[in-house]
Structure formats: structure tokens, C-alpha cells
Amino acid sequence: MATLRFFAGAAEAAQTETATLDAGTIGELRTQLGEHYGSKFVRVLGLCSLLVNGARASDDAVTLAPTDTVDVLPPFAGG
């Protein structure tokens, strides 16, 4: 199961900072997240970047291993 870390607005929408899900690809992960956390989270997820082990994963075909860490990062403002 991949470990997920939610940050800022994503953590607020999910009402947690961490989770684990068993998904084979980023696309499957997005689907499972929507089913698990609902429509409010889906709206936030649409704005987020996903990083797998620190590398951006913008393609839904990116595969996930059970040992992967996925960071869900909403856009940040400031500087």
C-alpha cells in the first residue's frame, strides 16, 4: 500500500495528514481518493500536484509500488 501525505488544503479536505491506499497507478489512486474522501476533496485534488517519492507524477499511467510515498500538494502562495 502506498503511503499518502496530505498538505495544507488537501489535508483539510481529507481531514487527515496521512493515509495508505492500494493503487497500481496514479489514475487508480485519484479514483480511490475521490471515492474515499468525496466531492470536496476531488475539487481540491484537481488543483494539487502529486509527487511520488519526490518526483512529480502528472501522468495517470505512472505506476505505484507498495513502498512508494505520494505527496498531495495544493498550490502554495507567498514567497
N, C-alpha and C. Protein backbone atom coordinates (compact mmCIF):
# COMPACT_ATOMS: atom_id res chain seq x y z
N MET A 1 0.84 -1.18 0.00
CA MET A 1 0.00 0.00 0.00
C MET A 1 0.88 1.25 0.00
N ALA A 2 0.60 2.14 -0.90
CA ALA A 2 1.35 3.40 -0.96
C ALA A 2 0.95 4.28 0.23
N THR A 3 1.91 5.00 0.75
CA THR A 3 1.66 5.94 1.83
C THR A 3 1.40 7.30 1.22
N LEU A 4 0.32 7.94 1.65
CA LEU A 4 -0.03 9.27 1.16
C LEU A 4 0.18 10.28 2.27
N ARG A 5 0.71 11.44 1.87
CA ARG A 5 0.86 12.55 2.80
C ARG A 5 0.12 13.74 2.19
N PHE A 6 -0.84 14.26 2.95
CA PHE A 6 -1.65 15.39 2.51
C PHE A 6 -1.14 16.66 3.17
N PHE A 7 -1.07 17.75 2.41
CA PHE A 7 -0.57 19.01 2.92
C PHE A 7 -1.61 20.11 2.75
N ALA A 8 -1.60 21.08 3.66
CA ALA A 8 -2.41 22.29 3.61
C ALA A 8 -3.88 21.98 3.31
N GLY A 9 -4.44 22.58 2.25
CA GLY A 9 -5.84 22.40 1.91
C GLY A 9 -6.23 20.97 1.61
N ALA A 10 -5.29 20.18 1.11
CA ALA A 10 -5.58 18.76 0.84
C ALA A 10 -5.78 18.01 2.15
N ALA A 11 -4.97 18.32 3.16
CA ALA A 11 -5.13 17.70 4.47
C ALA A 11 -6.46 18.12 5.11
N GLU A 12 -6.80 19.38 4.92
CA GLU A 12 -8.07 19.87 5.46
C GLU A 12 -9.25 19.17 4.80
N ALA A 13 -9.22 19.04 3.48
CA ALA A 13 -10.32 18.39 2.76
C ALA A 13 -10.42 16.91 3.09
N ALA A 14 -9.28 16.25 3.29
CA ALA A 14 -9.27 14.83 3.62
C ALA A 14 -9.50 14.59 5.12
N GLN A 15 -9.34 15.63 5.91
CA GLN A 15 -9.45 15.57 7.35
C GLN A 15 -8.43 14.61 7.96
N THR A 16 -7.27 14.53 7.31
CA THR A 16 -6.15 13.74 7.82
C THR A 16 -4.88 14.20 7.13
N GLU A 17 -3.75 13.89 7.71
CA GLU A 17 -2.48 14.23 7.08
C GLU A 17 -1.82 13.05 6.42
N THR A 18 -2.26 11.83 6.75
CA THR A 18 -1.67 10.63 6.14
C THR A 18 -2.74 9.57 5.90
N ALA A 19 -2.44 8.70 4.95
CA ALA A 19 -3.33 7.57 4.65
C ALA A 19 -2.52 6.54 3.88
N THR A 20 -3.07 5.37 3.71
CA THR A 20 -2.49 4.35 2.83
C THR A 20 -3.59 3.84 1.91
N LEU A 21 -3.23 3.65 0.66
CA LEU A 21 -4.17 3.10 -0.32
C LEU A 21 -3.42 2.13 -1.22
N ASP A 22 -4.14 1.14 -1.69
CA ASP A 22 -3.57 0.14 -2.58
C ASP A 22 -4.02 0.44 -4.01
N ALA A 23 -3.16 1.15 -4.74
CA ALA A 23 -3.47 1.52 -6.13
C ALA A 23 -2.26 1.19 -6.99
N GLY A 24 -2.50 0.74 -8.22
CA GLY A 24 -1.42 0.37 -9.12
C GLY A 24 -0.87 1.52 -9.93
N THR A 25 -1.69 2.57 -10.11
CA THR A 25 -1.27 3.73 -10.90
C THR A 25 -1.80 5.01 -10.25
N ILE A 26 -1.27 6.14 -10.69
CA ILE A 26 -1.76 7.44 -10.22
C ILE A 26 -3.24 7.60 -10.56
N GLY A 27 -3.65 7.17 -11.74
CA GLY A 27 -5.06 7.25 -12.12
C GLY A 27 -5.96 6.48 -11.18
N GLU A 28 -5.55 5.26 -10.83
CA GLU A 28 -6.33 4.47 -9.87
C GLU A 28 -6.35 5.15 -8.51
N LEU A 29 -5.23 5.74 -8.14
CA LEU A 29 -5.15 6.45 -6.86
C LEU A 29 -6.13 7.62 -6.84
N ARG A 30 -6.17 8.42 -7.91
CA ARG A 30 -7.10 9.54 -7.98
C ARG A 30 -8.54 9.07 -7.82
N THR A 31 -8.89 7.97 -8.48
CA THR A 31 -10.25 7.43 -8.39
C THR A 31 -10.56 7.00 -6.96
N GLN A 32 -9.64 6.28 -6.35
CA GLN A 32 -9.85 5.81 -4.98
C GLN A 32 -9.96 6.97 -3.99
N LEU A 33 -9.14 7.99 -4.19
CA LEU A 33 -9.21 9.16 -3.31
C LEU A 33 -10.57 9.83 -3.40
N GLY A 34 -11.08 9.97 -4.61
CA GLY A 34 -12.40 10.57 -4.79
C GLY A 34 -13.50 9.75 -4.13
N GLU A 35 -13.42 8.44 -4.29
CA GLU A 35 -14.42 7.56 -3.69
C GLU A 35 -14.35 7.60 -2.17
N HIS A 36 -13.15 7.70 -1.65
CA HIS A 36 -12.96 7.65 -0.19
C HIS A 36 -13.25 8.98 0.49
N TYR A 37 -12.81 10.10 -0.12
CA TYR A 37 -12.91 11.39 0.55
C TYR A 37 -14.02 12.30 0.02
N GLY A 38 -14.63 11.98 -1.11
CA GLY A 38 -15.79 12.71 -1.57
C GLY A 38 -15.52 13.89 -2.49
N SER A 39 -16.61 14.57 -2.84
CA SER A 39 -16.56 15.61 -3.88
C SER A 39 -15.75 16.84 -3.47
N LYS A 40 -15.78 17.22 -2.20
CA LYS A 40 -14.98 18.37 -1.77
C LYS A 40 -13.49 18.08 -1.98
N PHE A 41 -13.09 16.88 -1.65
CA PHE A 41 -11.69 16.51 -1.84
C PHE A 41 -11.34 16.45 -3.32
N VAL A 42 -12.24 15.97 -4.15
CA VAL A 42 -11.99 15.88 -5.60
C VAL A 42 -11.71 17.26 -6.17
N ARG A 43 -12.46 18.28 -5.72
CA ARG A 43 -12.21 19.65 -6.19
C ARG A 43 -10.80 20.11 -5.81
N VAL A 44 -10.39 19.83 -4.59
CA VAL A 44 -9.05 20.20 -4.14
C VAL A 44 -8.00 19.40 -4.91
N LEU A 45 -8.24 18.11 -5.07
CA LEU A 45 -7.29 17.24 -5.77
C LEU A 45 -7.02 17.73 -7.19
N GLY A 46 -8.03 18.29 -7.84
CA GLY A 46 -7.87 18.81 -9.19
C GLY A 46 -6.86 19.96 -9.28
N LEU A 47 -6.59 20.60 -8.16
CA LEU A 47 -5.62 21.71 -8.12
C LEU A 47 -4.24 21.26 -7.64
N CYS A 48 -4.15 20.04 -7.15
CA CYS A 48 -2.94 19.57 -6.49
C CYS A 48 -1.92 18.97 -7.46
N SER A 49 -0.67 19.04 -7.03
CA SER A 49 0.41 18.28 -7.66
C SER A 49 0.60 17.01 -6.85
N LEU A 50 0.91 15.93 -7.54
CA LEU A 50 1.23 14.67 -6.87
C LEU A 50 2.70 14.37 -7.09
N LEU A 51 3.39 14.08 -6.01
CA LEU A 51 4.80 13.70 -6.09
C LEU A 51 4.94 12.28 -5.59
N VAL A 52 5.58 11.44 -6.40
CA VAL A 52 5.85 10.06 -5.99
C VAL A 52 7.33 9.98 -5.65
N ASN A 53 7.61 9.73 -4.39
CA ASN A 53 8.99 9.67 -3.91
C ASN A 53 9.77 10.93 -4.30
N GLY A 54 9.08 12.08 -4.26
CA GLY A 54 9.72 13.36 -4.53
C GLY A 54 9.73 13.80 -5.98
N ALA A 55 9.27 12.95 -6.90
CA ALA A 55 9.24 13.30 -8.33
C ALA A 55 7.79 13.54 -8.75
N ARG A 56 7.57 14.64 -9.47
CA ARG A 56 6.21 14.97 -9.92
C ARG A 56 5.65 13.87 -10.81
N ALA A 57 4.39 13.51 -10.56
CA ALA A 57 3.71 12.46 -11.32
C ALA A 57 2.44 13.06 -11.91
N SER A 58 2.56 13.64 -13.10
CA SER A 58 1.41 14.30 -13.72
C SER A 58 0.64 13.37 -14.66
N ASP A 59 1.20 12.23 -14.98
CA ASP A 59 0.57 11.26 -15.89
C ASP A 59 -0.14 10.19 -15.08
N ASP A 60 -1.42 9.96 -15.36
CA ASP A 60 -2.19 8.96 -14.63
C ASP A 60 -1.66 7.54 -14.83
N ALA A 61 -0.82 7.32 -15.82
CA ALA A 61 -0.28 5.98 -16.08
C ALA A 61 0.95 5.67 -15.21
N VAL A 62 1.45 6.65 -14.45
CA VAL A 62 2.61 6.41 -13.58
C VAL A 62 2.25 5.28 -12.61
N THR A 63 3.11 4.27 -12.55
CA THR A 63 2.84 3.13 -11.68
C THR A 63 3.27 3.42 -10.25
N LEU A 64 2.59 2.76 -9.34
CA LEU A 64 2.88 2.90 -7.91
C LEU A 64 3.26 1.54 -7.34
N ALA A 65 4.29 1.55 -6.51
CA ALA A 65 4.69 0.36 -5.78
C ALA A 65 4.19 0.48 -4.34
N PRO A 66 4.02 -0.63 -3.66
CA PRO A 66 3.55 -0.58 -2.27
C PRO A 66 4.45 0.23 -1.35
N THR A 67 5.70 0.40 -1.70
CA THR A 67 6.65 1.12 -0.85
C THR A 67 6.73 2.61 -1.19
N ASP A 68 5.97 3.08 -2.18
CA ASP A 68 6.03 4.48 -2.60
C ASP A 68 5.36 5.42 -1.59
N THR A 69 5.86 6.65 -1.57
CA THR A 69 5.23 7.72 -0.81
C THR A 69 4.72 8.75 -1.81
N VAL A 70 3.43 9.09 -1.68
CA VAL A 70 2.80 10.06 -2.58
C VAL A 70 2.44 11.30 -1.76
N ASP A 71 3.00 12.44 -2.14
CA ASP A 71 2.66 13.71 -1.51
C ASP A 71 1.59 14.40 -2.34
N VAL A 72 0.54 14.85 -1.67
CA VAL A 72 -0.56 15.58 -2.31
C VAL A 72 -0.41 17.04 -1.91
N LEU A 73 0.05 17.85 -2.88
CA LEU A 73 0.41 19.24 -2.60
C LEU A 73 -0.47 20.23 -3.35
N PRO A 74 -1.30 20.98 -2.63
CA PRO A 74 -2.06 22.03 -3.29
C PRO A 74 -1.14 23.19 -3.63
N PRO A 75 -1.59 24.11 -4.49
CA PRO A 75 -0.74 25.27 -4.81
C PRO A 75 -0.49 26.09 -3.55
N PHE A 76 0.72 26.59 -3.44
CA PHE A 76 1.09 27.41 -2.31
C PHE A 76 1.29 28.85 -2.78
N ALA A 77 0.91 29.78 -1.95
CA ALA A 77 1.12 31.20 -2.28
C ALA A 77 2.16 31.76 -1.32
N GLY A 78 2.71 32.85 -1.69
CA GLY A 78 3.67 33.50 -0.81
C GLY A 78 5.07 33.46 -1.41
N GLY A 79 6.01 33.87 -0.63
CA GLY A 79 7.37 33.86 -1.14
C GLY A 79 8.38 34.26 -0.14
